[in-house]
Amino acid sequence: MSACACASQIVKEKELPRRIQSRGEKFAIGDSVVVYPQREIGIVYARSNDKGEIGVQVKGEKKLVNHKRIQLKVPADKLYPENYDFSIIFDSVANRKARHLMGKRHVKGNMAITEGDGK
């Protein structure tokens, strides 16, 4: 009988990560947000990850903040025109220059450093 009990087990899928992901999806890159409890105004630079954390740049510093601590102030479509290059806001001058040079020609030793999630 134990063989029959094993065959009829019900395995539930984990739905929590999808639910967290959908909550954080309401924020787009470039949105102006208020970060609580400090009530600082920042701009979203990265979409939510699997933990529900959203990348927000506050006073020139990039932070990962839980989506529950963020409130939308002004959406990006009202702040910026279509096809706006957000690298102007989020990248350093050195990275923008290096990327521009790499687009033109090969320069030995030239590197543009980008932030990634390591995957």
N, C-alpha and C. Protein backbone atom coordinates (compact mmCIF):
# COMPACT_ATOMS: atom_id res chain seq x y z
N MET A 1 0.81 -1.20 0.00
CA MET A 1 0.00 0.00 0.00
C MET A 1 0.85 1.26 0.00
N SER A 2 2.04 1.19 0.52
CA SER A 2 2.88 2.37 0.56
C SER A 2 3.27 2.81 -0.85
N ALA A 3 3.35 1.89 -1.79
CA ALA A 3 3.67 2.24 -3.17
C ALA A 3 2.55 3.06 -3.79
N CYS A 4 1.32 2.73 -3.45
CA CYS A 4 0.18 3.48 -3.99
C CYS A 4 0.12 4.88 -3.39
N ALA A 5 0.45 5.04 -2.13
CA ALA A 5 0.42 6.35 -1.48
C ALA A 5 1.46 7.29 -2.07
N CYS A 6 2.61 6.73 -2.45
CA CYS A 6 3.67 7.56 -3.03
C CYS A 6 3.28 8.05 -4.42
N ALA A 7 2.60 7.23 -5.16
CA ALA A 7 2.22 7.58 -6.53
C ALA A 7 1.13 8.64 -6.55
N SER A 8 0.34 8.74 -5.50
CA SER A 8 -0.77 9.69 -5.51
C SER A 8 -0.48 10.97 -4.73
N GLN A 9 0.78 11.25 -4.45
CA GLN A 9 1.11 12.46 -3.73
C GLN A 9 0.86 13.69 -4.59
N ILE A 10 0.44 14.74 -3.95
CA ILE A 10 0.21 16.01 -4.64
C ILE A 10 1.36 16.94 -4.31
N VAL A 11 1.99 17.47 -5.34
CA VAL A 11 3.11 18.38 -5.15
C VAL A 11 2.65 19.77 -5.57
N LYS A 12 2.76 20.72 -4.64
CA LYS A 12 2.33 22.09 -4.93
C LYS A 12 3.50 22.89 -5.49
N GLU A 13 3.20 23.75 -6.45
CA GLU A 13 4.22 24.63 -6.99
C GLU A 13 4.37 25.84 -6.09
N LYS A 14 5.56 26.39 -6.08
CA LYS A 14 5.78 27.61 -5.31
C LYS A 14 5.27 28.78 -6.12
N GLU A 15 4.30 29.49 -5.60
CA GLU A 15 3.72 30.62 -6.31
C GLU A 15 4.21 31.96 -5.77
N LEU A 16 4.92 31.95 -4.68
CA LEU A 16 5.37 33.18 -4.04
C LEU A 16 6.26 34.03 -4.93
N PRO A 17 7.29 33.48 -5.60
CA PRO A 17 8.13 34.35 -6.43
C PRO A 17 7.37 35.05 -7.55
N ARG A 18 6.42 34.38 -8.16
CA ARG A 18 5.65 35.04 -9.22
C ARG A 18 4.81 36.17 -8.66
N ARG A 19 4.24 35.98 -7.46
CA ARG A 19 3.41 37.01 -6.86
C ARG A 19 4.25 38.24 -6.52
N ILE A 20 5.44 38.04 -5.98
CA ILE A 20 6.33 39.15 -5.66
C ILE A 20 6.75 39.86 -6.93
N GLN A 21 7.08 39.08 -7.96
CA GLN A 21 7.50 39.65 -9.23
C GLN A 21 6.40 40.53 -9.81
N SER A 22 5.14 40.09 -9.73
CA SER A 22 4.06 40.87 -10.32
C SER A 22 3.82 42.17 -9.56
N ARG A 23 4.05 42.19 -8.25
CA ARG A 23 3.89 43.43 -7.49
C ARG A 23 4.93 44.46 -7.89
N GLY A 24 6.15 44.02 -8.10
CA GLY A 24 7.23 44.92 -8.46
C GLY A 24 7.19 45.34 -9.91
N GLU A 25 6.37 44.69 -10.73
CA GLU A 25 6.30 44.99 -12.16
C GLU A 25 5.63 46.34 -12.44
N LYS A 26 4.97 46.92 -11.47
CA LYS A 26 4.29 48.19 -11.73
C LYS A 26 5.27 49.37 -11.85
N PHE A 27 6.55 49.13 -11.50
CA PHE A 27 7.56 50.18 -11.61
C PHE A 27 8.37 49.97 -12.86
N ALA A 28 8.59 51.05 -13.63
CA ALA A 28 9.38 51.00 -14.85
C ALA A 28 10.67 51.79 -14.65
N ILE A 29 11.66 51.51 -15.47
CA ILE A 29 12.92 52.24 -15.39
C ILE A 29 12.66 53.71 -15.72
N GLY A 30 13.12 54.60 -14.85
CA GLY A 30 12.93 56.03 -15.04
C GLY A 30 11.82 56.62 -14.20
N ASP A 31 11.03 55.78 -13.53
CA ASP A 31 9.96 56.28 -12.66
C ASP A 31 10.55 57.04 -11.48
N SER A 32 9.92 58.12 -11.11
CA SER A 32 10.29 58.85 -9.90
C SER A 32 9.48 58.24 -8.76
N VAL A 33 10.18 57.84 -7.69
CA VAL A 33 9.53 57.16 -6.57
C VAL A 33 9.94 57.78 -5.25
N VAL A 34 9.14 57.52 -4.22
CA VAL A 34 9.45 57.94 -2.86
C VAL A 34 9.83 56.68 -2.10
N VAL A 35 11.00 56.69 -1.43
CA VAL A 35 11.47 55.55 -0.67
C VAL A 35 11.17 55.80 0.80
N TYR A 36 10.42 54.90 1.39
CA TYR A 36 10.05 55.02 2.81
C TYR A 36 10.96 54.14 3.65
N PRO A 37 11.20 54.41 4.90
CA PRO A 37 10.63 55.43 5.76
C PRO A 37 11.37 56.77 5.70
N GLN A 38 12.47 56.87 4.93
CA GLN A 38 13.24 58.11 4.89
C GLN A 38 12.54 59.20 4.08
N ARG A 39 11.59 58.83 3.26
CA ARG A 39 10.87 59.74 2.37
C ARG A 39 11.81 60.46 1.41
N GLU A 40 12.76 59.70 0.87
CA GLU A 40 13.69 60.24 -0.11
C GLU A 40 13.14 59.99 -1.51
N ILE A 41 13.39 60.93 -2.41
CA ILE A 41 12.94 60.78 -3.78
C ILE A 41 14.08 60.19 -4.60
N GLY A 42 13.75 59.17 -5.39
CA GLY A 42 14.75 58.51 -6.22
C GLY A 42 14.17 58.14 -7.58
N ILE A 43 15.04 57.56 -8.42
CA ILE A 43 14.64 57.14 -9.76
C ILE A 43 14.95 55.66 -9.91
N VAL A 44 14.01 54.90 -10.45
CA VAL A 44 14.19 53.47 -10.66
C VAL A 44 15.19 53.25 -11.79
N TYR A 45 16.25 52.47 -11.50
CA TYR A 45 17.25 52.16 -12.54
C TYR A 45 17.24 50.69 -12.94
N ALA A 46 16.57 49.82 -12.15
CA ALA A 46 16.53 48.39 -12.47
C ALA A 46 15.18 47.81 -12.07
N ARG A 47 14.69 46.88 -12.88
CA ARG A 47 13.41 46.21 -12.60
C ARG A 47 13.56 45.30 -11.39
N SER A 48 12.45 44.79 -10.90
CA SER A 48 12.49 43.96 -9.69
C SER A 48 13.15 42.62 -9.96
N ASN A 49 13.84 42.11 -8.93
CA ASN A 49 14.47 40.80 -9.03
C ASN A 49 13.54 39.75 -8.42
N ASP A 50 14.03 38.53 -8.25
CA ASP A 50 13.17 37.47 -7.74
C ASP A 50 12.82 37.63 -6.26
N LYS A 51 13.51 38.50 -5.54
CA LYS A 51 13.19 38.78 -4.14
C LYS A 51 12.20 39.94 -4.01
N GLY A 52 11.87 40.61 -5.10
CA GLY A 52 10.97 41.74 -5.06
C GLY A 52 11.69 43.05 -4.78
N GLU A 53 13.02 43.06 -4.94
CA GLU A 53 13.79 44.29 -4.71
C GLU A 53 13.95 45.04 -6.02
N ILE A 54 13.81 46.35 -5.94
CA ILE A 54 13.90 47.22 -7.12
C ILE A 54 15.11 48.12 -6.97
N GLY A 55 15.85 48.31 -8.05
CA GLY A 55 17.01 49.18 -8.02
C GLY A 55 16.58 50.63 -8.10
N VAL A 56 16.96 51.42 -7.09
CA VAL A 56 16.59 52.84 -7.03
C VAL A 56 17.85 53.66 -6.80
N GLN A 57 17.99 54.74 -7.58
CA GLN A 57 19.11 55.66 -7.38
C GLN A 57 18.59 56.83 -6.57
N VAL A 58 19.18 57.00 -5.38
CA VAL A 58 18.79 58.08 -4.46
C VAL A 58 20.02 58.90 -4.17
N LYS A 59 19.99 60.18 -4.49
CA LYS A 59 21.10 61.11 -4.23
C LYS A 59 22.41 60.59 -4.80
N GLY A 60 22.37 60.06 -6.01
CA GLY A 60 23.57 59.57 -6.68
C GLY A 60 24.04 58.21 -6.22
N GLU A 61 23.36 57.58 -5.28
CA GLU A 61 23.74 56.27 -4.76
C GLU A 61 22.71 55.23 -5.19
N LYS A 62 23.18 54.10 -5.72
CA LYS A 62 22.29 53.05 -6.18
C LYS A 62 22.03 52.05 -5.06
N LYS A 63 20.74 51.77 -4.82
CA LYS A 63 20.34 50.86 -3.74
C LYS A 63 19.33 49.87 -4.26
N LEU A 64 19.24 48.70 -3.61
CA LEU A 64 18.16 47.76 -3.86
C LEU A 64 17.17 47.93 -2.71
N VAL A 65 15.91 48.22 -3.07
CA VAL A 65 14.89 48.51 -2.06
C VAL A 65 13.71 47.58 -2.31
N ASN A 66 13.15 47.05 -1.24
CA ASN A 66 11.98 46.19 -1.36
C ASN A 66 10.81 46.99 -1.96
N HIS A 67 10.04 46.32 -2.82
CA HIS A 67 8.95 47.01 -3.51
C HIS A 67 7.89 47.55 -2.56
N LYS A 68 7.80 46.99 -1.35
CA LYS A 68 6.81 47.46 -0.37
C LYS A 68 7.18 48.81 0.22
N ARG A 69 8.45 49.20 0.11
CA ARG A 69 8.92 50.47 0.67
C ARG A 69 8.95 51.58 -0.37
N ILE A 70 8.37 51.35 -1.54
CA ILE A 70 8.43 52.33 -2.62
C ILE A 70 7.02 52.73 -3.03
N GLN A 71 6.85 54.03 -3.26
CA GLN A 71 5.58 54.54 -3.76
C GLN A 71 5.87 55.38 -5.01
N LEU A 72 5.09 55.16 -6.05
CA LEU A 72 5.26 55.89 -7.30
C LEU A 72 4.89 57.35 -7.12
N LYS A 73 5.78 58.24 -7.56
CA LYS A 73 5.50 59.67 -7.49
C LYS A 73 5.11 60.18 -8.88
N VAL A 74 6.01 60.01 -9.88
CA VAL A 74 5.72 60.43 -11.25
C VAL A 74 6.21 59.32 -12.19
N PRO A 75 5.34 58.81 -13.07
CA PRO A 75 5.79 57.76 -14.00
C PRO A 75 6.79 58.30 -15.02
N ALA A 76 7.61 57.40 -15.56
CA ALA A 76 8.67 57.78 -16.50
C ALA A 76 8.13 58.40 -17.78
N ASP A 77 6.97 57.95 -18.24
CA ASP A 77 6.44 58.49 -19.50
C ASP A 77 6.04 59.95 -19.39
N LYS A 78 5.82 60.45 -18.18
CA LYS A 78 5.52 61.87 -17.98
C LYS A 78 6.79 62.70 -17.76
N LEU A 79 7.88 62.03 -17.36
CA LEU A 79 9.13 62.74 -17.09
C LEU A 79 10.04 62.85 -18.31
N TYR A 80 10.07 61.81 -19.13
CA TYR A 80 11.03 61.73 -20.23
C TYR A 80 10.32 61.49 -21.55
N PRO A 81 10.90 61.96 -22.66
CA PRO A 81 10.32 61.68 -23.98
C PRO A 81 10.54 60.21 -24.36
N GLU A 82 9.86 59.76 -25.41
CA GLU A 82 10.03 58.38 -25.88
C GLU A 82 11.47 58.14 -26.31
N ASN A 83 11.94 56.91 -26.15
CA ASN A 83 13.29 56.49 -26.54
C ASN A 83 14.39 57.31 -25.87
N TYR A 84 14.16 57.76 -24.64
CA TYR A 84 15.15 58.52 -23.89
C TYR A 84 16.29 57.59 -23.47
N ASP A 85 17.53 58.06 -23.57
CA ASP A 85 18.70 57.28 -23.20
C ASP A 85 18.97 57.46 -21.71
N PHE A 86 18.60 56.46 -20.91
CA PHE A 86 18.75 56.55 -19.46
C PHE A 86 20.19 56.42 -19.00
N SER A 87 21.10 56.07 -19.92
CA SER A 87 22.51 56.00 -19.53
C SER A 87 23.04 57.39 -19.16
N ILE A 88 22.38 58.43 -19.64
CA ILE A 88 22.75 59.80 -19.27
C ILE A 88 22.63 59.99 -17.76
N ILE A 89 21.62 59.39 -17.17
CA ILE A 89 21.36 59.55 -15.74
C ILE A 89 22.16 58.55 -14.91
N PHE A 90 22.20 57.29 -15.34
CA PHE A 90 22.71 56.23 -14.48
C PHE A 90 24.17 55.86 -14.70
N ASP A 91 24.79 56.22 -15.82
CA ASP A 91 26.18 55.87 -16.08
C ASP A 91 27.11 57.03 -15.74
N SER A 92 28.36 56.69 -15.46
CA SER A 92 29.37 57.71 -15.20
C SER A 92 29.84 58.30 -16.53
N VAL A 93 30.47 59.44 -16.47
CA VAL A 93 30.98 60.11 -17.67
C VAL A 93 32.04 59.24 -18.34
N ALA A 94 32.89 58.60 -17.54
CA ALA A 94 33.94 57.75 -18.09
C ALA A 94 33.36 56.57 -18.87
N ASN A 95 32.31 55.95 -18.33
CA ASN A 95 31.67 54.83 -19.03
C ASN A 95 31.00 55.29 -20.32
N ARG A 96 30.37 56.43 -20.30
CA ARG A 96 29.71 56.93 -21.52
C ARG A 96 30.74 57.24 -22.60
N LYS A 97 31.88 57.84 -22.20
CA LYS A 97 32.95 58.13 -23.16
C LYS A 97 33.53 56.85 -23.74
N ALA A 98 33.77 55.86 -22.87
CA ALA A 98 34.34 54.58 -23.32
C ALA A 98 33.38 53.88 -24.28
N ARG A 99 32.11 53.88 -23.98
CA ARG A 99 31.13 53.23 -24.86
C ARG A 99 31.04 53.95 -26.19
N HIS A 100 31.13 55.27 -26.18
CA HIS A 100 31.09 56.06 -27.41
C HIS A 100 32.30 55.75 -28.28
N LEU A 101 33.48 55.68 -27.67
CA LEU A 101 34.70 55.35 -28.41
C LEU A 101 34.63 53.93 -28.98
N MET A 102 34.13 52.99 -28.20
CA MET A 102 34.01 51.61 -28.67
C MET A 102 33.06 51.51 -29.84
N GLY A 103 32.05 52.37 -29.89
CA GLY A 103 31.13 52.38 -31.02
C GLY A 103 31.78 52.90 -32.29
N LYS A 104 32.79 53.75 -32.14
CA LYS A 104 33.47 54.33 -33.30
C LYS A 104 34.58 53.43 -33.84
N ARG A 105 35.45 52.98 -32.92
CA ARG A 105 36.61 52.21 -33.36
C ARG A 105 37.16 51.41 -32.19
N HIS A 106 38.11 50.54 -32.50
CA HIS A 106 38.76 49.74 -31.46
C HIS A 106 39.90 50.54 -30.85
N VAL A 107 39.88 50.66 -29.54
CA VAL A 107 40.96 51.31 -28.81
C VAL A 107 41.50 50.29 -27.82
N LYS A 108 42.78 50.00 -27.90
CA LYS A 108 43.39 48.98 -27.04
C LYS A 108 43.31 49.40 -25.58
N GLY A 109 42.80 48.50 -24.73
CA GLY A 109 42.71 48.77 -23.29
C GLY A 109 41.47 49.56 -22.88
N ASN A 110 40.60 49.89 -23.81
CA ASN A 110 39.39 50.66 -23.50
C ASN A 110 38.30 49.71 -22.99
N MET A 111 37.70 50.03 -21.84
CA MET A 111 36.65 49.19 -21.27
C MET A 111 35.54 50.07 -20.74
N ALA A 112 34.30 49.61 -20.94
CA ALA A 112 33.14 50.24 -20.33
C ALA A 112 32.63 49.26 -19.27
N ILE A 113 32.51 49.70 -18.05
CA ILE A 113 32.08 48.85 -16.95
C ILE A 113 30.59 49.02 -16.75
N THR A 114 29.86 47.89 -16.78
CA THR A 114 28.42 47.93 -16.58
C THR A 114 28.08 47.09 -15.36
N GLU A 115 27.00 47.47 -14.68
CA GLU A 115 26.54 46.71 -13.53
C GLU A 115 25.64 45.61 -14.05
N GLY A 116 25.86 44.42 -13.54
CA GLY A 116 25.05 43.28 -13.94
C GLY A 116 24.63 42.49 -12.72
N ASP A 117 23.77 41.52 -12.93
CA ASP A 117 23.32 40.70 -11.82
C ASP A 117 24.19 39.47 -11.64
N GLY A 118 25.24 39.32 -12.43
CA GLY A 118 26.17 38.23 -12.25
C GLY A 118 25.70 36.90 -12.79
N LYS A 119 24.61 36.85 -13.54
CA LYS A 119 24.08 35.60 -14.07
C LYS A 119 24.60 35.32 -15.44
